[in-house]
Protein backbone atom coordinates (compact mmCIF):
# COMPACT_ATOMS: atom_id res chain seq x y z
CA MET A 1 0.00 0.00 0.00
CA LYS A 2 2.94 2.33 0.62
CA ARG A 3 3.88 1.90 -3.04
CA PHE A 4 0.40 3.00 -4.14
CA LYS A 5 0.57 6.02 -1.84
CA ILE A 6 3.85 7.25 -3.28
CA PHE A 7 2.64 6.44 -6.81
CA ALA A 8 -0.57 8.42 -6.36
CA ILE A 9 1.16 11.49 -4.93
CA LEU A 10 3.78 11.37 -7.67
CA LEU A 11 0.99 11.11 -10.24
CA LEU A 12 -0.66 14.18 -8.78
CA ALA A 13 2.59 16.10 -9.04
CA LEU A 14 3.41 14.95 -12.55
CA GLN A 15 -0.09 15.71 -13.78
CA LEU A 16 0.68 19.33 -12.96
CA VAL A 17 4.00 19.19 -14.79
CA LEU A 18 3.23 17.13 -17.89
CA PRO A 19 0.50 17.62 -20.50
CA MET A 20 -2.52 15.51 -19.60
CA SER A 21 -2.40 13.90 -23.05
CA ALA A 22 0.66 12.03 -21.83
CA PHE A 23 -1.55 10.32 -19.27
CA ALA A 24 -4.64 9.93 -21.42
CA GLU A 25 -2.80 7.78 -23.96
CA GLU A 26 -2.25 4.94 -21.50
CA ASN A 27 -4.74 3.99 -18.78
CA ASP A 28 -1.93 2.20 -17.01
CA GLU A 29 -0.48 5.61 -16.15
CA LEU A 30 -3.67 6.50 -14.26
CA ILE A 31 -5.51 5.02 -11.29
CA ASN A 32 -7.53 1.91 -12.10
CA TYR A 33 -10.52 1.53 -9.78
CA LEU A 34 -12.45 -1.67 -9.05
CA ALA A 35 -15.65 -1.74 -6.93
CA LEU A 36 -16.80 -4.97 -5.29
CA GLY A 37 -19.76 -5.78 -3.10
CA ASP A 38 -23.52 -5.57 -2.86
CA SER A 39 -26.37 -3.34 -4.04
CA LEU A 40 -24.70 -0.24 -2.61
CA ALA A 41 -21.77 -0.67 -4.99
CA ALA A 42 -24.10 -1.69 -7.82
CA GLY A 43 -26.34 1.35 -7.30
CA ILE A 44 -29.83 0.22 -6.29
CA GLN A 45 -31.74 3.41 -5.52
CA ASP A 46 -34.36 4.13 -2.87
CA ASN A 47 -37.07 3.41 -5.48
CA GLY A 48 -35.61 -0.03 -6.22
CA GLU A 49 -34.22 0.92 -9.63
CA LEU A 50 -30.58 0.76 -10.71
CA GLY A 51 -28.70 4.03 -10.83
CA PRO A 52 -25.39 5.67 -9.84
CA SER A 53 -23.79 4.17 -6.75
CA TYR A 54 -21.24 5.58 -4.34
CA ALA A 55 -18.63 3.92 -6.56
CA ASP A 56 -19.78 6.01 -9.54
CA PHE A 57 -19.47 9.22 -7.55
CA PHE A 58 -16.07 8.18 -6.18
CA ALA A 59 -14.90 7.36 -9.71
CA SER A 60 -16.27 10.69 -10.89
CA SER A 61 -14.19 12.55 -8.30
CA LEU A 62 -11.06 10.77 -9.54
CA ALA A 63 -12.01 11.67 -13.10
CA GLU A 64 -12.53 15.32 -12.19
CA ASP A 65 -8.97 15.37 -10.85
CA GLU A 66 -7.87 13.73 -14.12
CA LEU A 67 -6.60 10.69 -12.23
CA LEU A 68 -9.04 7.98 -13.30
CA GLY A 69 -7.93 5.26 -15.69
CA LYS A 70 -10.36 2.34 -15.81
CA PHE A 71 -13.41 1.94 -13.58
CA ASN A 72 -15.41 -1.27 -13.15
CA LYS A 73 -18.28 -2.09 -10.77
CA GLY A 74 -19.36 -5.15 -12.73
CA PHE A 75 -18.58 -7.54 -9.86
CA ALA A 76 -20.98 -5.72 -7.50
CA TYR A 77 -24.34 -7.49 -7.23
CA PRO A 78 -27.54 -6.73 -5.27
CA GLY A 79 -28.03 -9.04 -2.33
CA TYR A 80 -24.39 -10.05 -2.10
CA THR A 81 -22.95 -11.09 1.24
CA THR A 82 -19.30 -11.25 2.26
CA THR A 83 -19.51 -14.99 1.57
CA ASP A 84 -20.57 -14.24 -2.02
CA VAL A 85 -17.63 -11.88 -2.48
CA LEU A 86 -15.26 -14.48 -1.08
CA ASN A 87 -16.68 -17.23 -3.32
CA ASP A 88 -16.32 -15.00 -6.38
CA LEU A 89 -12.67 -14.58 -5.48
CA LYS A 90 -12.13 -18.31 -5.04
CA ASN A 91 -13.93 -19.16 -8.28
CA ASP A 92 -12.35 -16.30 -10.23
CA ILE A 93 -15.65 -15.48 -11.91
CA GLN A 94 -15.92 -13.51 -15.14
CA LYS A 95 -18.39 -10.69 -15.65
CA PRO A 96 -18.94 -7.83 -18.11
CA VAL A 97 -17.37 -4.51 -17.26
CA VAL A 98 -19.89 -2.05 -15.82
CA ASN A 99 -19.04 1.59 -15.27
CA SER A 100 -20.71 4.97 -15.27
CA SER A 101 -21.49 4.55 -18.96
CA GLY A 102 -23.36 1.30 -18.38
CA THR A 103 -22.60 -2.32 -19.22
CA GLN A 104 -19.74 -2.75 -21.67
CA SER A 105 -19.09 -5.55 -24.16
CA GLU A 106 -15.78 -6.41 -22.50
CA THR A 107 -15.77 -9.35 -20.07
CA VAL A 108 -13.05 -9.65 -17.45
CA ALA A 109 -11.98 -12.10 -14.75
CA LEU A 110 -12.08 -11.02 -11.12
CA ARG A 111 -8.57 -11.99 -10.07
CA ASP A 112 -7.00 -10.36 -13.12
CA SER A 113 -9.06 -7.22 -12.44
CA ILE A 114 -7.76 -7.15 -8.88
CA ALA A 115 -4.19 -7.61 -10.12
CA LYS A 116 -4.55 -4.54 -12.34
CA ALA A 117 -6.38 -2.34 -9.82
CA ASP A 118 -4.82 0.51 -7.86
CA ILE A 119 -7.88 1.13 -5.68
CA ILE A 120 -10.45 -1.49 -4.65
CA THR A 121 -13.58 -0.58 -2.71
CA ILE A 122 -15.84 -3.10 -0.98
CA SER A 123 -19.32 -2.71 0.49
CA ALA A 124 -20.63 -5.97 1.91
CA GLY A 125 -21.81 -7.43 5.18
CA ALA A 126 -25.21 -5.81 5.70
CA ASN A 127 -27.00 -8.69 3.99
CA ASP A 128 -25.13 -11.16 6.21
CA VAL A 129 -26.80 -9.68 9.29
CA LEU A 130 -30.06 -8.01 8.25
CA LYS A 131 -31.72 -11.39 7.71
CA TYR A 132 -31.73 -11.75 11.50
CA PHE A 133 -33.49 -8.39 11.94
CA LYS A 134 -36.97 -8.24 10.37
CA THR A 135 -39.19 -5.18 10.73
CA LYS A 136 -42.97 -5.40 10.83
CA GLU A 137 -45.68 -3.10 9.47
CA ASP A 138 -46.39 -1.72 12.94
CA GLY A 139 -42.79 -0.49 13.31
CA THR A 140 -41.66 -3.27 15.63
CA ALA A 141 -39.23 -6.03 14.68
CA GLU A 142 -38.32 -9.67 15.16
CA ILE A 143 -34.71 -9.84 16.34
CA ASP A 144 -32.56 -12.97 16.44
CA LEU A 145 -29.77 -11.82 18.75
CA ALA A 146 -27.86 -15.08 18.48
CA GLY A 147 -28.08 -14.94 14.71
CA ILE A 148 -26.93 -11.32 14.65
CA SER A 149 -23.94 -12.12 16.84
CA LYS A 150 -23.01 -15.07 14.63
CA GLY A 151 -23.49 -12.96 11.49
CA ILE A 152 -21.19 -10.19 12.72
CA GLN A 153 -18.47 -12.72 13.54
CA GLU A 154 -18.80 -14.26 10.07
CA VAL A 155 -18.55 -10.84 8.45
CA GLY A 156 -15.30 -10.14 10.29
CA ALA A 157 -13.86 -13.54 9.43
CA ASN A 158 -14.87 -13.26 5.77
CA TYR A 159 -13.39 -9.78 5.43
CA ASN A 160 -10.14 -11.12 6.86
CA LYS A 161 -10.12 -13.83 4.18
CA ILE A 162 -11.10 -11.41 1.42
CA LEU A 163 -8.36 -8.92 2.27
CA THR A 164 -5.81 -11.71 2.66
CA GLU A 165 -6.67 -13.04 -0.79
CA ILE A 166 -6.56 -9.59 -2.37
CA GLU A 167 -3.14 -8.98 -0.81
CA LYS A 168 -1.85 -12.21 -2.35
CA ILE A 169 -3.06 -11.14 -5.78
CA ASN A 170 -2.05 -7.48 -5.56
CA PRO A 171 -0.15 -6.35 -2.45
CA ASP A 172 0.16 -2.82 -3.83
CA ALA A 173 -3.57 -2.13 -4.19
CA LEU A 174 -5.27 0.23 -1.77
CA VAL A 175 -8.45 -1.35 -0.36
CA MET A 176 -11.22 0.85 1.04
CA ILE A 177 -14.20 -0.61 2.89
CA MET A 178 -17.56 1.11 3.30
CA GLY A 179 -18.96 1.19 6.82
CA TYR A 180 -22.58 0.51 7.78
CA TYR A 181 -25.58 2.72 8.51
CA ASN A 182 -28.95 2.39 10.20
CA PRO A 183 -31.21 1.07 7.40
CA TYR A 184 -34.42 1.55 9.39
CA PRO A 185 -34.40 5.14 10.69
CA TYR A 186 -38.21 5.25 10.41
CA ALA A 187 -38.72 2.19 12.62
CA ASP A 188 -40.21 2.47 16.09
CA GLU A 189 -38.19 4.67 18.42
CA SER A 190 -37.76 1.76 20.81
CA LEU A 191 -35.72 -0.06 18.14
CA GLN A 192 -33.35 2.76 17.29
CA LYS A 193 -30.95 2.06 20.14
CA GLN A 194 -30.61 -1.59 19.10
CA LEU A 195 -30.17 -0.64 15.46
CA ASN A 196 -27.45 1.87 16.27
CA GLU A 197 -25.72 -0.67 18.52
CA LEU A 198 -25.82 -3.17 15.66
CA VAL A 199 -24.24 -0.66 13.28
CA TYR A 200 -21.61 0.21 15.87
CA ALA A 201 -20.76 -3.46 16.45
CA MET A 202 -20.39 -4.17 12.74
CA ASP A 203 -18.30 -1.06 12.17
CA LYS A 204 -16.03 -1.97 15.07
CA VAL A 205 -15.39 -5.51 13.85
CA VAL A 206 -14.74 -4.61 10.21
CA ALA A 207 -12.71 -1.50 11.09
CA GLN A 208 -10.42 -3.67 13.20
CA VAL A 209 -9.90 -6.12 10.34
CA ALA A 210 -9.21 -3.22 7.99
CA LEU A 211 -6.63 -1.82 10.41
CA GLU A 212 -4.86 -5.17 10.68
CA LYS A 213 -4.79 -5.56 6.90
CA SER A 214 -3.72 -1.97 6.12
CA ALA A 215 -7.02 -1.20 4.43
CA ILE A 216 -9.02 2.01 4.91
CA PHE A 217 -12.36 1.78 6.69
CA VAL A 218 -14.79 4.55 5.68
CA PRO A 219 -17.45 5.20 8.36
CA VAL A 220 -20.73 6.58 7.03
CA ALA A 221 -23.34 6.07 9.80
CA GLU A 222 -23.10 9.45 11.50
CA GLU A 223 -23.16 11.46 8.27
CA ILE A 224 -26.20 9.60 6.92
CA ALA A 225 -28.03 9.91 10.25
CA LEU A 226 -27.62 13.70 10.20
CA ASP A 227 -30.21 13.95 7.40
CA TYR A 228 -31.66 10.48 6.94
CA LYS A 229 -34.82 11.89 5.32
CA LEU A 230 -32.67 13.12 2.45
CA TYR A 231 -30.34 10.15 2.23
CA LEU A 232 -32.94 7.42 3.02
CA PRO A 233 -36.19 9.03 1.86
CA ASN A 234 -38.19 5.82 1.35
CA PRO A 235 -39.30 4.26 4.67
CA LYS A 236 -39.98 0.98 2.86
CA ASN A 237 -36.58 0.74 1.19
CA ILE A 238 -33.19 0.47 2.92
CA HIS A 239 -31.23 1.79 -0.05
CA LEU A 240 -29.77 5.26 -0.34
CA SER A 241 -31.04 8.03 -2.56
CA LYS A 242 -28.84 9.63 -5.20
CA ASP A 243 -27.92 12.25 -2.60
CA GLY A 244 -27.01 9.46 -0.19
CA TYR A 245 -24.72 7.78 -2.69
CA LYS A 246 -23.16 11.11 -3.53
CA LEU A 247 -22.49 11.66 0.17
CA VAL A 248 -20.82 8.26 0.57
CA GLY A 249 -18.75 8.83 -2.57
CA SER A 250 -17.52 12.12 -1.12
CA LEU A 251 -16.57 10.37 2.14
CA PHE A 252 -14.46 7.91 0.16
CA THR A 253 -12.83 10.80 -1.68
CA TYR A 254 -12.12 12.63 1.57
CA ASP A 255 -10.59 9.58 3.25
CA LEU A 256 -8.46 8.84 0.18
CA TRP A 257 -7.01 12.35 0.19
CA GLU A 258 -6.51 12.24 3.94
CA TYR A 259 -4.53 9.04 3.47
CA LEU A 260 -2.47 10.39 0.58
CA LEU A 261 -1.61 13.64 2.32
CA ASP A 262 -0.92 12.11 5.72
CA ASP A 263 2.27 13.59 7.18
CA SER A 264 3.41 10.08 8.12
CA LEU A 265 4.65 9.75 4.55
CA TYR A 266 7.57 11.93 5.56
CA GLU A 267 8.46 9.39 8.21
CA GLU A 268 8.57 6.71 5.53
CA ILE A 269 11.21 8.63 3.57
CA TYR A 270 13.13 9.95 6.57
CA PHE A 271 16.91 10.08 6.11
CA THR A 272 19.25 9.68 9.05
CA ASP A 273 21.63 12.44 7.96
CA THR A 274 19.33 15.30 6.94
CA GLU A 275 17.93 16.44 10.30
CA GLY A 276 18.90 20.09 10.77
CA HIS A 277 20.32 20.36 7.24
CA TRP A 278 19.46 23.57 5.40
CA ALA A 279 18.03 21.56 2.47
CA LYS A 280 15.96 19.06 4.47
CA GLU A 281 12.65 20.41 3.15
CA TYR A 282 13.84 20.17 -0.45
CA ILE A 283 15.34 16.72 0.10
CA ASP A 284 12.11 15.41 1.61
CA PHE A 285 10.12 16.86 -1.28
CA ALA A 286 12.45 15.40 -3.91
CA ALA A 287 12.33 12.00 -2.24
CA MET A 288 8.56 12.07 -1.77
CA PHE A 289 7.99 12.70 -5.45
CA GLY A 290 10.52 10.10 -6.52
CA LEU A 291 12.98 12.57 -7.99
CA MET A 292 15.88 11.46 -5.81
CA ASN A 293 16.52 8.39 -3.69
CA GLY A 294 18.60 7.75 -0.63
CA TYR A 295 21.08 4.97 0.04
CA GLU A 296 20.56 1.51 1.48
CA ASP A 297 22.00 2.55 4.83
CA GLY A 298 19.20 5.12 5.28
CA THR A 299 21.32 8.16 4.44
CA PHE A 300 20.88 10.75 1.70
CA LYS A 301 24.46 12.06 1.73
CA PRO A 302 23.31 15.66 1.10
CA ASP A 303 26.79 17.17 0.83
CA GLN A 304 28.15 14.56 -1.53
CA ALA A 305 28.72 15.68 -5.12
CA LEU A 306 26.05 14.69 -7.63
CA LYS A 307 27.30 12.41 -10.40
CA ARG A 308 26.38 12.76 -14.07
CA VAL A 309 24.78 9.34 -14.14
CA GLN A 310 22.59 10.31 -11.18
CA MET A 311 21.45 13.53 -12.82
CA VAL A 312 20.63 11.79 -16.09
CA SER A 313 18.61 9.11 -14.28
CA ILE A 314 16.75 11.69 -12.21
CA LEU A 315 15.59 13.63 -15.26
CA ALA A 316 14.61 10.48 -17.14
CA ARG A 317 12.44 9.33 -14.21
CA MET A 318 11.03 12.79 -13.62
CA ILE A 319 9.82 13.17 -17.19
CA GLY A 320 8.84 9.52 -17.56
CA LEU A 321 10.99 8.92 -20.62
CA GLU A 322 10.75 5.60 -22.41
CA PRO A 323 14.01 4.07 -23.71
CA VAL A 324 14.46 4.16 -27.46
CA GLY A 325 17.32 1.97 -28.65
CA GLU A 326 20.64 2.17 -26.84
CA ALA A 327 22.98 4.97 -25.88
CA PRO A 328 26.31 5.04 -27.78
CA PHE A 329 28.41 5.34 -24.64
CA LYS A 330 31.10 2.73 -24.01
CA ASP A 331 31.55 3.55 -20.33
CA ILE A 332 28.09 2.57 -19.01
CA SER A 333 28.24 -1.21 -19.46
CA GLY A 334 28.78 -1.82 -15.74
CA TYR A 335 25.54 -0.16 -14.67
CA ALA A 336 22.21 -1.85 -14.00
CA ASP A 337 19.92 -2.38 -16.98
CA ALA A 338 17.39 0.11 -15.58
CA THR A 339 20.08 2.79 -15.35
CA LYS A 340 21.31 2.08 -18.88
CA GLN A 341 17.74 2.39 -20.14
CA GLU A 342 17.37 5.76 -18.40
CA ILE A 343 20.63 6.94 -19.94
CA ALA A 344 19.48 5.80 -23.38
CA ALA A 345 16.14 7.54 -22.94
CA ALA A 346 17.84 10.79 -21.88
CA TYR A 347 20.28 10.56 -24.78
CA HIS A 348 17.59 10.05 -27.43
CA ALA A 349 15.55 12.87 -25.89
CA ASP A 350 18.61 15.15 -26.27
CA LEU A 351 18.89 15.80 -22.54
CA VAL A 352 22.51 14.67 -22.49
CA GLN A 353 25.07 14.53 -25.31
CA GLY A 354 28.15 13.07 -23.71
CA TYR A 355 31.72 13.30 -24.94
CA GLY A 356 31.78 11.37 -28.16
CA GLU A 357 31.50 7.71 -27.16
CA LEU A 358 31.80 8.51 -23.46
CA LEU A 359 29.22 9.70 -20.94
CA LYS A 360 31.72 10.00 -18.09
CA PRO A 361 28.99 8.85 -15.69
CA GLU A 362 31.09 9.12 -12.54
CA ASP A 363 32.14 12.72 -13.21
CA LYS A 364 30.73 15.30 -10.86
CA VAL A 365 28.00 17.54 -12.27
CA THR A 366 28.86 21.22 -12.52
CA ARG A 367 26.37 24.05 -12.17
CA ALA A 368 26.61 24.80 -15.89
CA GLN A 369 25.99 21.17 -16.83
CA MET A 370 22.96 20.93 -14.57
CA ALA A 371 21.57 24.14 -16.05
CA LEU A 372 21.99 22.71 -19.54
CA MET A 373 20.20 19.45 -18.77
CA ILE A 374 17.35 21.22 -16.99
CA SER A 375 17.00 23.67 -19.87
CA ARG A 376 16.75 20.79 -22.32
CA ALA A 377 14.15 19.13 -20.10
CA TYR A 378 12.23 22.42 -20.11
CA THR A 379 12.27 22.43 -23.91
CA LEU A 380 11.08 18.84 -24.05
CA LEU A 381 8.22 19.43 -21.61
CA THR A 382 7.01 22.82 -22.89
CA GLY A 383 7.66 22.25 -26.57
CA ALA A 384 9.83 25.36 -26.94
CA PRO A 385 13.30 26.38 -25.75
CA TYR A 386 13.68 29.12 -23.18
CA ILE A 387 14.82 32.32 -24.89
CA PRO A 388 15.30 35.19 -22.45
CA THR A 389 15.07 38.85 -23.34
CA THR A 390 18.28 39.49 -21.42
CA VAL A 391 21.05 37.13 -20.38
CA ALA A 392 21.58 36.73 -16.65
CA PRO A 393 23.98 39.38 -15.23
CA PHE A 394 26.81 37.03 -14.28
CA THR A 395 30.34 38.06 -15.18
CA ASP A 396 31.71 34.51 -15.34
CA ILE A 397 29.49 32.97 -18.05
CA ASP A 398 30.57 35.04 -21.10
CA SER A 399 32.91 32.32 -22.33
CA TYR A 400 30.10 29.74 -22.57
CA ASN A 401 28.02 29.17 -25.68
CA VAL A 402 24.58 30.71 -26.13
CA GLU A 403 22.71 27.54 -25.14
CA THR A 404 24.50 27.39 -21.81
CA GLN A 405 24.05 31.10 -21.14
CA TYR A 406 20.31 30.80 -21.85
CA ALA A 407 20.12 27.72 -19.61
CA ILE A 408 21.75 29.56 -16.72
CA THR A 409 19.44 32.52 -17.37
CA LEU A 410 16.43 30.20 -17.13
CA LEU A 411 17.48 29.18 -13.63
CA TYR A 412 18.13 32.80 -12.75
CA ASP A 413 14.90 34.25 -14.17
CA TYR A 414 12.72 31.68 -12.44
CA GLU A 415 14.74 31.93 -9.23
CA ILE A 416 15.52 28.22 -9.37
CA ALA A 417 19.22 28.88 -8.77
CA GLN A 418 20.94 32.17 -8.07
CA GLY A 419 24.57 33.25 -8.13
CA VAL A 420 27.21 32.78 -5.47
CA GLY A 421 27.85 36.48 -4.88
CA ASN A 422 29.86 39.21 -6.58
CA ASN A 423 27.78 38.80 -9.78
CA LYS A 424 29.17 35.31 -10.33
CA PHE A 425 27.31 32.07 -11.12
CA ALA A 426 30.30 29.75 -10.58
CA PRO A 427 29.44 27.54 -13.60
CA LYS A 428 32.34 25.15 -12.95
CA GLN A 429 31.42 24.61 -9.30
CA VAL A 430 30.30 21.09 -8.43
CA VAL A 431 26.64 20.56 -7.44
CA THR A 432 25.94 18.70 -4.21
CA ARG A 433 23.03 16.33 -3.80
CA ALA A 434 21.34 18.81 -1.45
CA GLN A 435 21.72 21.62 -3.98
CA ALA A 436 20.34 19.33 -6.68
CA ALA A 437 17.27 18.60 -4.54
CA LYS A 438 16.62 22.34 -4.19
CA ILE A 439 17.12 23.04 -7.90
CA LEU A 440 14.97 20.09 -9.04
CA THR A 441 12.22 21.09 -6.63
CA GLY A 442 12.32 24.64 -7.98
CA PHE A 443 12.22 23.32 -11.54
CA MET A 444 9.13 21.23 -10.84
CA MET A 445 7.37 24.17 -9.20
CA THR A 446 8.29 26.39 -12.15
CA LEU A 447 6.68 24.00 -14.58
CA THR A 448 3.63 23.73 -12.35
CA THR A 449 3.26 27.52 -12.39
CA GLU A 450 3.83 27.65 -16.12
CA GLU A 451 0.93 25.26 -16.70
């Protein structure tokens, strides 16, 4: 789940930097959402007809943020219990894709759908227990307390099995579980305490399972109870109205964002040698968005010089370049295949030119070289080179070619990197990893503002 969290936040950042067409071409670059469960996921309305469910509204919120790839609620079925969901998993059933546009011609298998999902929501369990609680016309009810107790225990056990199976199929998926609400708010007042206790007991059991399995439990009871006449307008039907489903969808959206923006993410990328460092904020940001990584020993080595191979890899990952062929450099054979692919991608995108047949990957990056590579990345992302009206007022860059002077001016004009004093830029000065984090962070924010 940590991997999904970092992926989602990085996606949010890159969506601001890159043209959205880059994401629209491939659904795999966006969040794929799968909804499982009962009639609440399927969308049975308070009048008994099929309509938009909470899953549709949740998917719609992802789409509004331009994050939604594929959405499927085809495995949600009215009347389903947690046992039904578990059996579907075991049997790997196939069903047509159903989304906000209706039933599609495409048929997919459940386990493969789970494997490809980034977010999975589940709403099930009410049908497991409600059969032991039957209301009468006079507002009273027949209650099987032993049956209810047994049903709640089965729901908890089944959710444990469901989440365990999902984790086996796709450990990186984020699972979100809908809580329960009082389905009979119009029943006799004497029953309301028991109904609320039932909802509380079910919420408690499933929330605990969710916690143990690193899933997100989304409570809904209190919000629905605040205006049950709006959200459950039909006294003879336990299903939500369109407003009710919209409310639940918004609660899922809120809890997702709360999870993604939780400050605990910083603890996950904490480096042992950056506390108190002037660039800690930039380092944390660069690490959070996947621009720069630390070392296996938990350090970042902020004052260590940045190598050319590191800078090339960073830009390739940042832009999401795909490798095209191979790079012509003879001095990169000892690097990992992933690094060689990043070098090749950067080379064919004209981000780095090298020295003939050499990249000199272990050389330290100078301020002029970093400016050049960032300027070329700017050209690639915006579709046009940066041409300033006036070259930056540094007295030590006159000997460099026009491309380099313009690149340095780009950093200067956008306040990404300034001089070192006395009207000097120090183009030959080596860039540290901490300085690189600050410059790359400034570059990303510049592109965000430009958009």
